Amino acid sequence: MKKNELRNLLNSLFLVGFLVALILYLTMPENRTPFLVVCFISMAIKIAEYIVRYFR
């Protein structure tokens, strides 16, 4: 897989995770755990994209 394809895939996954996290945040105000889990996973994906961009 080429570097740009991998970055595009990781960015797409991050955006989907962001949207899911936003929906969870707005629809589940009494329980923030699912929001936090999805948010942290999305952030890890974004960090992985950053690493690919600068170190590969």
C-alpha atoms as a PDB file:
ATOM      1  CA  MET A   1       0.000   0.000   0.000  1.00  0.00           C
ATOM      2  CA  LYS A   2       1.352   3.393  -0.956  1.00  0.00           C
ATOM      3  CA  LYS A   3       1.944   6.101   1.617  1.00  0.00           C
ATOM      4  CA  ASN A   4      -0.845   8.354   0.316  1.00  0.00           C
ATOM      5  CA  GLU A   5      -3.348   5.503   0.193  1.00  0.00           C
ATOM      6  CA  LEU A   6      -2.546   4.561   3.787  1.00  0.00           C
ATOM      7  CA  ARG A   7      -2.855   8.174   4.922  1.00  0.00           C
ATOM      8  CA  ASN A   8      -6.200   8.533   3.139  1.00  0.00           C
ATOM      9  CA  LEU A   9      -7.477   5.339   4.756  1.00  0.00           C
ATOM     10  CA  LEU A  10      -6.377   6.454   8.223  1.00  0.00           C
ATOM     11  CA  ASN A  11      -7.898   9.908   7.718  1.00  0.00           C
ATOM     12  CA  SER A  12     -11.185   8.363   6.579  1.00  0.00           C
ATOM     13  CA  LEU A  13     -11.274   6.093   9.627  1.00  0.00           C
ATOM     14  CA  PHE A  14     -10.544   9.080  11.862  1.00  0.00           C
ATOM     15  CA  LEU A  15     -13.403  11.082  10.356  1.00  0.00           C
ATOM     16  CA  VAL A  16     -15.850   8.197  10.762  1.00  0.00           C
ATOM     17  CA  GLY A  17     -14.721   7.763  14.360  1.00  0.00           C
ATOM     18  CA  PHE A  18     -15.146  11.479  14.975  1.00  0.00           C
ATOM     19  CA  LEU A  19     -18.709  11.397  13.646  1.00  0.00           C
ATOM     20  CA  VAL A  20     -19.566   8.339  15.757  1.00  0.00           C
ATOM     21  CA  ALA A  21     -18.048  10.001  18.829  1.00  0.00           C
ATOM     22  CA  LEU A  22     -20.050  13.169  18.192  1.00  0.00           C
ATOM     23  CA  ILE A  23     -23.286  11.198  17.827  1.00  0.00           C
ATOM     24  CA  LEU A  24     -22.549   9.266  21.027  1.00  0.00           C
ATOM     25  CA  TYR A  25     -21.786  12.487  22.879  1.00  0.00           C
ATOM     26  CA  LEU A  26     -25.055  14.091  21.833  1.00  0.00           C
ATOM     27  CA  THR A  27     -27.305  11.058  22.288  1.00  0.00           C
ATOM     28  CA  MET A  28     -25.945   9.568  25.521  1.00  0.00           C
ATOM     29  CA  PRO A  29     -25.455  12.414  28.019  1.00  0.00           C
ATOM     30  CA  GLU A  30     -25.843  10.109  31.038  1.00  0.00           C
ATOM     31  CA  ASN A  31     -23.052   7.714  30.015  1.00  0.00           C
ATOM     32  CA  ARG A  32     -19.889   9.163  28.491  1.00  0.00           C
ATOM     33  CA  THR A  33     -17.845   5.942  28.461  1.00  0.00           C
ATOM     34  CA  PRO A  34     -18.715   4.891  24.864  1.00  0.00           C
ATOM     35  CA  PHE A  35     -17.922   8.411  23.679  1.00  0.00           C
ATOM     36  CA  LEU A  36     -14.547   8.370  25.413  1.00  0.00           C
ATOM     37  CA  VAL A  37     -13.628   4.951  24.018  1.00  0.00           C
ATOM     38  CA  VAL A  38     -14.469   5.928  20.434  1.00  0.00           C
ATOM     39  CA  CYS A  39     -12.806   9.309  20.850  1.00  0.00           C
ATOM     40  CA  PHE A  40      -9.545   7.805  22.140  1.00  0.00           C
ATOM     41  CA  ILE A  41      -9.496   5.205  19.354  1.00  0.00           C
ATOM     42  CA  SER A  42     -10.018   7.971  16.787  1.00  0.00           C
ATOM     43  CA  MET A  43      -7.192   9.975  18.315  1.00  0.00           C
ATOM     44  CA  ALA A  44      -4.893   6.927  18.155  1.00  0.00           C
ATOM     45  CA  ILE A  45      -5.725   6.550  14.459  1.00  0.00           C
ATOM     46  CA  LYS A  46      -4.910  10.218  13.864  1.00  0.00           C
ATOM     47  CA  ILE A  47      -1.590   9.841  15.701  1.00  0.00           C
ATOM     48  CA  ALA A  48      -0.805   6.815  13.522  1.00  0.00           C
ATOM     49  CA  GLU A  49      -1.498   8.930  10.432  1.00  0.00           C
ATOM     50  CA  TYR A  50       0.847  11.600  11.761  1.00  0.00           C
ATOM     51  CA  ILE A  51       3.583   9.012  12.279  1.00  0.00           C
ATOM     52  CA  VAL A  52       3.111   7.667   8.751  1.00  0.00           C
ATOM     53  CA  ARG A  53       3.276  11.184   7.336  1.00  0.00           C
ATOM     54  CA  TYR A  54       6.556  12.117   9.016  1.00  0.00           C
ATOM     55  CA  PHE A  55       8.444   8.875   9.457  1.00  0.00           C
ATOM     56  CA  ARG A  56       7.686   6.782   6.412  1.00  0.00           C
END
